[in-house]
Amino acid sequence: MEYAEMKESIEEVIEGCHGEFAKMSDDLFDHPELSGEEYASSERIVTKLVENGFVAEYPFDGIETAFRAICGNNDHQYKVAIMAEYDALPEIGHACGHCLSAAISCLAGVALSDLQEALDTDIHVIGTPAEEIDGAKCKMVQDGVFDDYDMAIMVHLYNQNLVRARLLALRSDMYTFHGKAAHASAAPWEGINALNAVQLAFHGVDMLRQHVKPDVRIHGVIHEGGKMPGVVPERAAAEFYVRALQRDYMEEVNKKVENCIKGACLATGTTYDVHPTAETYADLRPNQTGEDALREVFGELDIPDNGDYEAVFGSADAGNVSYVCPTFHPCLQLTPQEVVIHTREFAKAVRSDHAHDVMRQGAALIALTIAKIFSDEERVQQMKRDFENA
């Protein structure tokens, strides 16, 4: 089967099924669930995929809200993972658009299910919860889930169109400082102030910002700072995120942040302990062959390539997947550029008729890119070489 025939088939299925997946997206939007708590959301998605001929392993990989959905005999030469995210944010719900992204992935999987034989490629839809806090993809990578895949892909919603988003590697740690309580008025000299150590640590980190590369982001918040002014705080805690374009450099900067912590403790007489608050997210490795295919499909779908490729998108656990197989994380414009993700304004756009149009566009982007690559053996092999040489 030629690519043109595949394109016609894909577009026909998307047109016939987009209504039911638009309804699913709206339903997920109306019933948002936080990271790791997506019980009803994952069940809703799995039910819809099963209705469309998939068989689901659910729960999957020891994660209660994860799944893997397979259609057919699962016996072809190649395997592609279409990843789905569906967790929401506290208070502002699906302001990241994950309900719509999940619908895009599922609709793309359905559109490709009848083309597996022609492409000699198994199409799997993998539900990857908890992207906002602890990235289920990280555990899946560690467990070898993506080792046998030849490609992984998903679409994220954004305020511009991007073939490849700049994903920063991310590490998050909680630093707990330990001092000694004392009466803050009667005998302050008997105390060791843990909050002072936190304050000094923040000053040190602020000074560090002058001496790191421009792509680095460091941000922190204080979780504990004492119980009352009359008692010298014996315990305080601060959480820091460290991000950079390259995972190795992110780790280097993180060591410098910890040196700020050590210096603050030395100056105040306190001690500290540290533990990670989430999985470490990796940067997204480039793959020129796959990105060229995506860019071609952008043109076929009349999607303007209007993104700022120097701007930072943020961090995502899809970056971890890119270290074990060619992985793609294009973004589609849902709102004007002045409306940014993780805002109430962005959330409002996620449940709209325009969002349903973007869902149709996103499903076509994924499905056509997979068809374009896996209908051309040379492209498949070049994509693999790009991955090995990245």
Protein backbone atom coordinates (compact mmCIF):
# COMPACT_ATOMS: atom_id res chain seq x y z
CA MET A 1 0.00 0.00 0.00
CA GLU A 2 1.34 3.44 -0.95
CA TYR A 3 1.57 6.31 1.52
CA ALA A 4 -1.18 8.20 -0.30
CA GLU A 5 -3.59 5.29 0.26
CA MET A 6 -2.59 5.11 3.92
CA LYS A 7 -3.21 8.83 4.29
CA GLU A 8 -6.69 8.46 2.83
CA SER A 9 -7.46 5.59 5.21
CA ILE A 10 -6.15 7.51 8.24
CA GLU A 11 -8.15 10.61 7.42
CA GLU A 12 -11.31 8.56 6.89
CA VAL A 13 -11.02 6.86 10.29
CA ILE A 14 -10.25 10.13 12.07
CA GLU A 15 -13.25 11.79 10.47
CA GLY A 16 -15.50 8.89 11.46
CA CYS A 17 -14.27 8.59 15.06
CA HIS A 18 -13.33 12.09 16.13
CA GLY A 19 -16.73 12.76 17.71
CA GLU A 20 -16.49 9.95 20.25
CA PHE A 21 -12.94 10.93 21.24
CA ALA A 22 -13.87 14.59 21.51
CA LYS A 23 -16.59 13.53 23.93
CA MET A 24 -14.02 11.48 25.87
CA SER A 25 -11.67 14.47 26.11
CA ASP A 26 -14.48 16.68 27.41
CA ASP A 27 -15.46 14.05 29.95
CA LEU A 28 -11.89 13.81 31.23
CA PHE A 29 -11.79 17.60 31.42
CA ASP A 30 -14.99 17.69 33.45
CA HIS A 31 -13.65 15.10 35.92
CA PRO A 32 -9.96 15.98 36.41
CA GLU A 33 -7.79 13.68 38.49
CA LEU A 34 -4.38 14.49 39.92
CA SER A 35 -1.14 12.67 39.13
CA GLY A 36 -1.21 9.09 40.35
CA GLU A 37 -4.94 9.30 41.08
CA GLU A 38 -6.25 8.93 37.52
CA TYR A 39 -8.43 5.91 38.30
CA ALA A 40 -11.63 6.97 36.54
CA SER A 41 -9.69 8.68 33.74
CA SER A 42 -7.61 5.63 32.88
CA GLU A 43 -10.67 3.38 33.05
CA ARG A 44 -12.55 5.73 30.71
CA ILE A 45 -9.69 5.70 28.18
CA VAL A 46 -9.19 1.93 28.34
CA THR A 47 -12.92 1.35 27.84
CA LYS A 48 -12.91 3.52 24.73
CA LEU A 49 -9.88 1.73 23.25
CA VAL A 50 -11.43 -1.68 23.93
CA GLU A 51 -14.61 -0.53 22.19
CA ASN A 52 -12.43 0.22 19.17
CA GLY A 53 -10.85 -3.24 19.00
CA PHE A 54 -7.87 -3.01 21.35
CA VAL A 55 -6.99 -5.43 24.12
CA ALA A 56 -5.67 -3.70 27.22
CA GLU A 57 -3.25 -4.73 29.93
CA TYR A 58 -4.58 -2.68 32.83
CA PRO A 59 -3.07 -1.96 35.32
CA PHE A 60 0.33 -2.04 33.60
CA ASP A 61 3.93 -2.25 34.83
CA GLY A 62 2.81 -2.28 38.44
CA ILE A 63 1.21 1.18 38.14
CA GLU A 64 -2.48 1.19 39.01
CA THR A 65 -3.48 3.91 36.55
CA ALA A 66 -1.21 2.89 33.65
CA PHE A 67 -2.18 0.69 30.71
CA ARG A 68 -0.92 -0.78 27.45
CA ALA A 69 -3.45 -1.30 24.66
CA ILE A 70 -2.67 -3.58 21.69
CA CYS A 71 -4.72 -4.23 18.57
CA GLY A 72 -4.19 -7.38 16.52
CA ASN A 73 -1.72 -10.24 16.85
CA ASN A 74 1.26 -8.13 17.94
CA ASP A 75 3.57 -10.05 15.63
CA HIS A 76 4.97 -7.52 13.18
CA GLN A 77 8.59 -6.55 12.53
CA TYR A 78 8.42 -3.14 14.19
CA LYS A 79 6.69 -1.69 17.24
CA VAL A 80 5.61 1.89 17.92
CA ALA A 81 4.43 3.31 21.24
CA ILE A 82 1.89 6.12 21.13
CA MET A 83 2.05 7.61 24.61
CA ALA A 84 -0.98 9.07 26.40
CA GLU A 85 -0.99 11.44 29.39
CA TYR A 86 -4.15 12.23 31.36
CA ASP A 87 -3.27 13.70 34.75
CA ALA A 88 -4.55 17.13 35.81
CA LEU A 89 -3.15 19.96 37.93
CA PRO A 90 -4.29 20.98 41.42
CA GLU A 91 -7.00 23.66 41.38
CA ILE A 92 -6.73 24.47 37.65
CA GLY A 93 -7.56 21.02 36.26
CA HIS A 94 -6.51 20.21 32.71
CA ALA A 95 -4.62 23.46 32.19
CA CYS A 96 -1.86 21.42 30.56
CA GLY A 97 -4.27 19.87 28.07
CA HIS A 98 -3.54 16.26 28.96
CA CYS A 99 -7.16 15.19 28.48
CA LEU A 100 -6.97 16.42 24.89
CA SER A 101 -3.51 14.93 24.39
CA ALA A 102 -4.80 11.53 25.54
CA ALA A 103 -7.66 11.72 23.05
CA ILE A 104 -5.20 12.60 20.29
CA SER A 105 -3.05 9.56 21.07
CA CYS A 106 -6.00 7.19 21.24
CA LEU A 107 -7.54 8.47 18.01
CA ALA A 108 -4.17 8.14 16.25
CA GLY A 109 -3.88 4.54 17.47
CA VAL A 110 -7.34 3.69 16.18
CA ALA A 111 -6.59 5.34 12.84
CA LEU A 112 -3.49 3.15 12.42
CA SER A 113 -4.92 -0.13 13.69
CA ASP A 114 -5.98 -1.35 10.23
CA LEU A 115 -2.62 -0.41 8.69
CA GLN A 116 -0.39 -2.55 10.89
CA GLU A 117 -0.07 -5.23 8.23
CA ALA A 118 0.80 -2.74 5.49
CA LEU A 119 3.40 -1.07 7.73
CA ASP A 120 4.59 -4.35 9.27
CA THR A 121 4.38 -2.42 12.54
CA ASP A 122 2.50 -3.05 15.77
CA ILE A 123 0.80 0.06 17.12
CA HIS A 124 0.52 0.21 20.91
CA VAL A 125 -1.15 2.93 22.97
CA ILE A 126 0.56 3.24 26.34
CA GLY A 127 -1.09 5.14 29.17
CA THR A 128 1.59 7.01 31.09
CA PRO A 129 0.13 8.73 34.17
CA ALA A 130 1.60 11.17 36.70
CA GLU A 131 3.59 13.25 34.21
CA GLU A 132 3.17 16.36 36.35
CA ILE A 133 4.88 15.05 39.47
CA ASP A 134 6.64 11.69 39.22
CA GLY A 135 6.57 10.60 35.59
CA ALA A 136 5.36 7.03 35.08
CA LYS A 137 7.48 6.94 31.92
CA CYS A 138 10.56 7.07 34.16
CA LYS A 139 9.60 3.84 35.93
CA MET A 140 8.65 2.26 32.61
CA VAL A 141 12.07 3.14 31.20
CA GLN A 142 13.77 1.68 34.26
CA ASP A 143 11.67 -1.49 33.91
CA GLY A 144 12.62 -1.89 30.24
CA VAL A 145 9.12 -1.26 28.88
CA PHE A 146 10.38 0.84 25.95
CA ASP A 147 13.43 -1.30 25.13
CA ASP A 148 11.64 -3.21 22.36
CA TYR A 149 10.06 -0.20 20.67
CA ASP A 150 11.39 1.26 17.46
CA MET A 151 9.75 4.63 18.09
CA ALA A 152 7.64 6.49 20.66
CA ILE A 153 5.54 9.60 20.07
CA MET A 154 2.90 11.88 21.57
CA VAL A 155 1.55 15.39 20.97
CA HIS A 156 1.45 18.12 23.62
CA LEU A 157 -0.80 21.15 23.44
CA TYR A 158 0.87 24.55 23.57
CA ASN A 159 0.58 28.17 22.41
CA GLN A 160 2.65 27.58 19.26
CA ASN A 161 3.51 24.77 16.86
CA LEU A 162 6.79 22.94 17.34
CA VAL A 163 8.25 19.91 15.60
CA ARG A 164 10.49 19.40 18.63
CA ALA A 165 10.10 21.08 22.01
CA ARG A 166 13.16 21.98 24.07
CA LEU A 167 12.75 19.76 27.12
CA LEU A 168 15.00 20.50 30.06
CA ALA A 169 16.41 17.74 32.22
CA LEU A 170 14.96 18.12 35.73
CA ARG A 171 15.97 17.01 39.18
CA SER A 172 13.95 17.80 42.33
CA ASP A 173 15.20 17.35 45.89
CA MET A 174 13.95 18.12 49.38
CA TYR A 175 16.59 19.42 51.79
CA THR A 176 15.69 19.11 55.48
CA PHE A 177 17.78 21.17 57.91
CA HIS A 178 18.23 20.20 61.55
CA GLY A 179 19.11 22.59 64.35
CA LYS A 180 18.31 22.91 68.06
CA ALA A 181 15.22 24.44 69.67
CA ALA A 182 15.54 27.08 72.38
CA HIS A 183 13.53 29.97 73.81
CA ALA A 184 14.01 32.71 71.25
CA SER A 185 14.00 35.46 73.90
CA ALA A 186 15.22 33.92 77.15
CA ALA A 187 18.12 31.83 75.78
CA PRO A 188 18.53 32.19 71.98
CA TRP A 189 22.23 31.38 72.33
CA GLU A 190 21.22 27.84 73.23
CA GLY A 191 19.52 27.36 69.90
CA ILE A 192 20.68 26.47 66.39
CA ASN A 193 18.38 28.04 63.81
CA ALA A 194 17.43 25.72 60.96
CA LEU A 195 15.48 28.49 59.22
CA ASN A 196 18.66 30.59 59.06
CA ALA A 197 20.27 27.75 57.14
CA VAL A 198 17.39 27.77 54.63
CA GLN A 199 17.73 31.52 54.18
CA LEU A 200 21.47 31.28 53.56
CA ALA A 201 20.94 28.39 51.16
CA PHE A 202 18.57 30.50 49.07
CA HIS A 203 21.08 33.38 49.02
CA GLY A 204 23.78 31.00 47.86
CA VAL A 205 21.60 29.58 45.10
CA ASP A 206 20.63 33.09 43.97
CA MET A 207 24.32 33.97 43.64
CA LEU A 208 24.99 30.71 41.80
CA ARG A 209 22.55 31.76 39.05
CA GLN A 210 25.11 34.30 37.78
CA HIS A 211 27.58 31.55 36.97
CA VAL A 212 25.63 28.87 35.14
CA LYS A 213 24.74 28.54 31.46
CA PRO A 214 21.69 30.44 30.14
CA ASP A 215 19.54 27.31 29.77
CA VAL A 216 19.72 26.51 33.50
CA ARG A 217 16.68 27.07 35.70
CA ILE A 218 16.82 26.79 39.49
CA HIS A 219 13.75 27.37 41.65
CA GLY A 220 12.85 26.51 45.20
CA VAL A 221 10.20 26.87 47.89
CA ILE A 222 10.26 26.62 51.69
CA HIS A 223 8.10 23.81 53.05
CA GLU A 224 8.89 24.24 56.75
CA GLY A 225 10.28 27.23 58.62
CA GLY A 226 9.53 26.72 62.28
CA LYS A 227 6.36 26.60 64.36
CA MET A 228 6.25 29.93 66.22
CA PRO A 229 8.43 33.03 66.58
CA GLY A 230 9.12 32.35 70.25
CA VAL A 231 11.01 29.13 69.54
CA VAL A 232 14.26 28.89 67.60
CA PRO A 233 13.34 26.66 64.62
CA GLU A 234 14.95 23.27 65.08
CA ARG A 235 13.73 21.99 61.70
CA ALA A 236 13.21 23.62 58.32
CA ALA A 237 12.87 22.27 54.80
CA ALA A 238 13.21 23.57 51.26
CA GLU A 239 12.60 21.90 47.91
CA PHE A 240 14.67 22.83 44.85
CA TYR A 241 14.22 22.07 41.16
CA VAL A 242 17.32 22.16 38.96
CA ARG A 243 16.89 22.11 35.16
CA ALA A 244 19.22 22.26 32.16
CA LEU A 245 19.21 21.33 28.48
CA GLN A 246 21.66 18.49 29.02
CA ARG A 247 21.21 15.89 31.73
CA ASP A 248 24.93 15.75 32.57
CA TYR A 249 25.17 19.51 33.04
CA MET A 250 21.99 19.49 35.14
CA GLU A 251 23.66 17.00 37.49
CA GLU A 252 26.76 19.20 37.63
CA VAL A 253 24.69 22.23 38.59
CA ASN A 254 22.79 20.18 41.15
CA LYS A 255 26.07 19.40 42.91
CA LYS A 256 26.75 23.14 43.10
CA VAL A 257 23.31 23.68 44.63
CA GLU A 258 24.10 21.06 47.24
CA ASN A 259 27.36 22.89 47.97
CA CYS A 260 25.23 25.94 48.75
CA ILE A 261 23.31 23.78 51.20
CA LYS A 262 26.52 22.51 52.81
CA GLY A 263 27.89 26.03 53.12
CA ALA A 264 24.71 27.24 54.78
CA CYS A 265 24.92 24.40 57.28
CA LEU A 266 28.58 25.13 58.02
CA ALA A 267 27.78 28.80 58.64
CA THR A 268 24.81 28.10 60.95
CA GLY A 269 25.94 24.95 62.73
CA THR A 270 23.06 22.93 61.36
CA THR A 271 23.00 19.58 59.57
CA TYR A 272 20.87 18.43 56.65
CA ASP A 273 19.57 15.40 54.83
CA VAL A 274 18.28 15.18 51.30
CA HIS A 275 15.89 12.98 49.36
CA PRO A 276 14.47 13.21 45.83
CA THR A 277 10.84 14.32 45.58
CA ALA A 278 10.28 12.90 42.09
CA GLU A 279 12.01 10.92 39.38
CA THR A 280 14.74 12.72 37.48
CA TYR A 281 13.58 13.84 34.02
CA ALA A 282 16.01 13.72 31.10
CA ASP A 283 16.35 16.09 28.17
CA LEU A 284 14.81 15.15 24.81
CA ARG A 285 17.39 13.73 22.41
CA PRO A 286 17.09 14.95 18.81
CA ASN A 287 16.41 12.70 15.83
CA GLN A 288 16.74 14.45 12.49
CA THR A 289 15.06 11.77 10.36
CA GLY A 290 11.95 11.63 12.50
CA GLU A 291 11.81 15.40 12.81
CA ASP A 292 12.07 15.75 9.03
CA ALA A 293 9.09 13.40 8.65
CA LEU A 294 7.12 15.41 11.19
CA ARG A 295 7.94 18.63 9.38
CA GLU A 296 6.71 17.12 6.10
CA VAL A 297 3.43 16.18 7.74
CA PHE A 298 3.16 19.69 9.21
CA GLY A 299 3.20 20.89 5.60
CA GLU A 300 0.68 18.31 4.41
CA LEU A 301 -1.73 19.34 7.16
CA ASP A 302 -1.12 23.08 6.64
CA ILE A 303 0.19 23.45 10.18
CA PRO A 304 2.35 26.60 10.33
CA ASP A 305 5.78 25.92 11.80
CA ASN A 306 5.63 29.07 13.93
CA GLY A 307 7.36 27.99 17.13
CA ASP A 308 10.31 29.61 18.87
CA TYR A 309 12.84 26.78 18.91
CA GLU A 310 15.18 28.69 21.24
CA ALA A 311 12.54 29.01 23.94
CA VAL A 312 12.30 26.47 26.75
CA PHE A 313 9.13 24.36 26.82
CA GLY A 314 9.74 22.89 30.27
CA SER A 315 10.45 19.35 31.44
CA ALA A 316 8.72 16.06 30.70
CA ASP A 317 9.34 12.36 31.26
CA ALA A 318 9.20 11.78 27.51
CA GLY A 319 12.85 12.84 27.62
CA ASN A 320 13.69 9.65 29.53
CA VAL A 321 12.08 7.57 26.80
CA SER A 322 14.28 9.30 24.20
CA TYR A 323 17.33 7.66 25.76
CA VAL A 324 16.07 4.15 24.93
CA CYS A 325 14.30 4.63 21.56
CA PRO A 326 13.66 7.41 19.02
CA THR A 327 11.09 9.64 20.72
CA PHE A 328 9.08 12.60 19.46
CA HIS A 329 7.18 15.24 21.40
CA PRO A 330 5.78 17.77 18.90
CA CYS A 331 3.52 20.58 20.13
CA LEU A 332 0.36 21.93 18.54
CA GLN A 333 -0.96 25.43 19.02
CA LEU A 334 -4.23 25.55 20.93
CA THR A 335 -4.21 29.19 22.03
CA PRO A 336 -2.73 32.54 20.98
CA GLN A 337 0.91 32.89 22.00
CA GLU A 338 0.10 35.23 24.86
CA VAL A 339 -1.89 32.46 26.59
CA VAL A 340 0.52 30.09 28.32
CA ILE A 341 0.02 26.57 29.63
CA HIS A 342 -0.75 25.92 33.31
CA THR A 343 -3.16 28.86 33.45
CA ARG A 344 -6.93 29.08 33.77
CA GLU A 345 -7.03 30.75 30.37
CA PHE A 346 -5.32 27.77 28.75
CA ALA A 347 -7.64 25.36 30.56
CA LYS A 348 -10.66 27.19 29.15
CA ALA A 349 -9.38 26.57 25.61
CA VAL A 350 -8.97 22.82 26.23
CA ARG A 351 -12.76 22.34 26.33
CA SER A 352 -13.90 24.04 23.15
CA ASP A 353 -14.92 23.33 19.58
CA HIS A 354 -11.51 24.59 18.47
CA ALA A 355 -9.86 22.01 20.76
CA HIS A 356 -11.80 19.28 18.97
CA ASP A 357 -10.39 20.52 15.66
CA VAL A 358 -6.87 20.48 17.09
CA MET A 359 -7.51 16.93 18.35
CA ARG A 360 -8.32 15.83 14.80
CA GLN A 361 -5.16 17.59 13.58
CA GLY A 362 -2.98 16.03 16.30
CA ALA A 363 -4.21 12.50 15.62
CA ALA A 364 -3.44 12.96 11.93
CA LEU A 365 0.01 14.32 12.76
CA ILE A 366 0.93 11.23 14.79
CA ALA A 367 -0.65 8.70 12.44
CA LEU A 368 0.73 10.19 9.23
CA THR A 369 4.23 10.55 10.68
CA ILE A 370 4.26 6.89 11.69
CA ALA A 371 2.91 5.88 8.26
CA LYS A 372 5.48 8.04 6.47
CA ILE A 373 8.42 6.56 8.39
CA PHE A 374 7.43 2.90 8.54
CA SER A 375 6.32 2.70 4.91
CA ASP A 376 9.92 3.53 3.97
CA GLU A 377 12.55 1.03 5.16
CA GLU A 378 15.41 3.45 4.51
CA ARG A 379 13.77 6.05 6.76
CA VAL A 380 13.37 3.49 9.52
CA GLN A 381 17.02 2.53 9.36
CA GLN A 382 18.18 6.16 9.17
CA MET A 383 16.03 7.02 12.19
CA LYS A 384 17.73 4.20 14.07
CA ARG A 385 21.17 5.47 13.02
CA ASP A 386 20.25 8.97 14.18
CA PHE A 387 19.27 7.54 17.55
CA GLU A 388 22.50 5.58 17.93
CA ASN A 389 24.60 8.63 17.02
CA ALA A 390 22.72 11.21 19.11
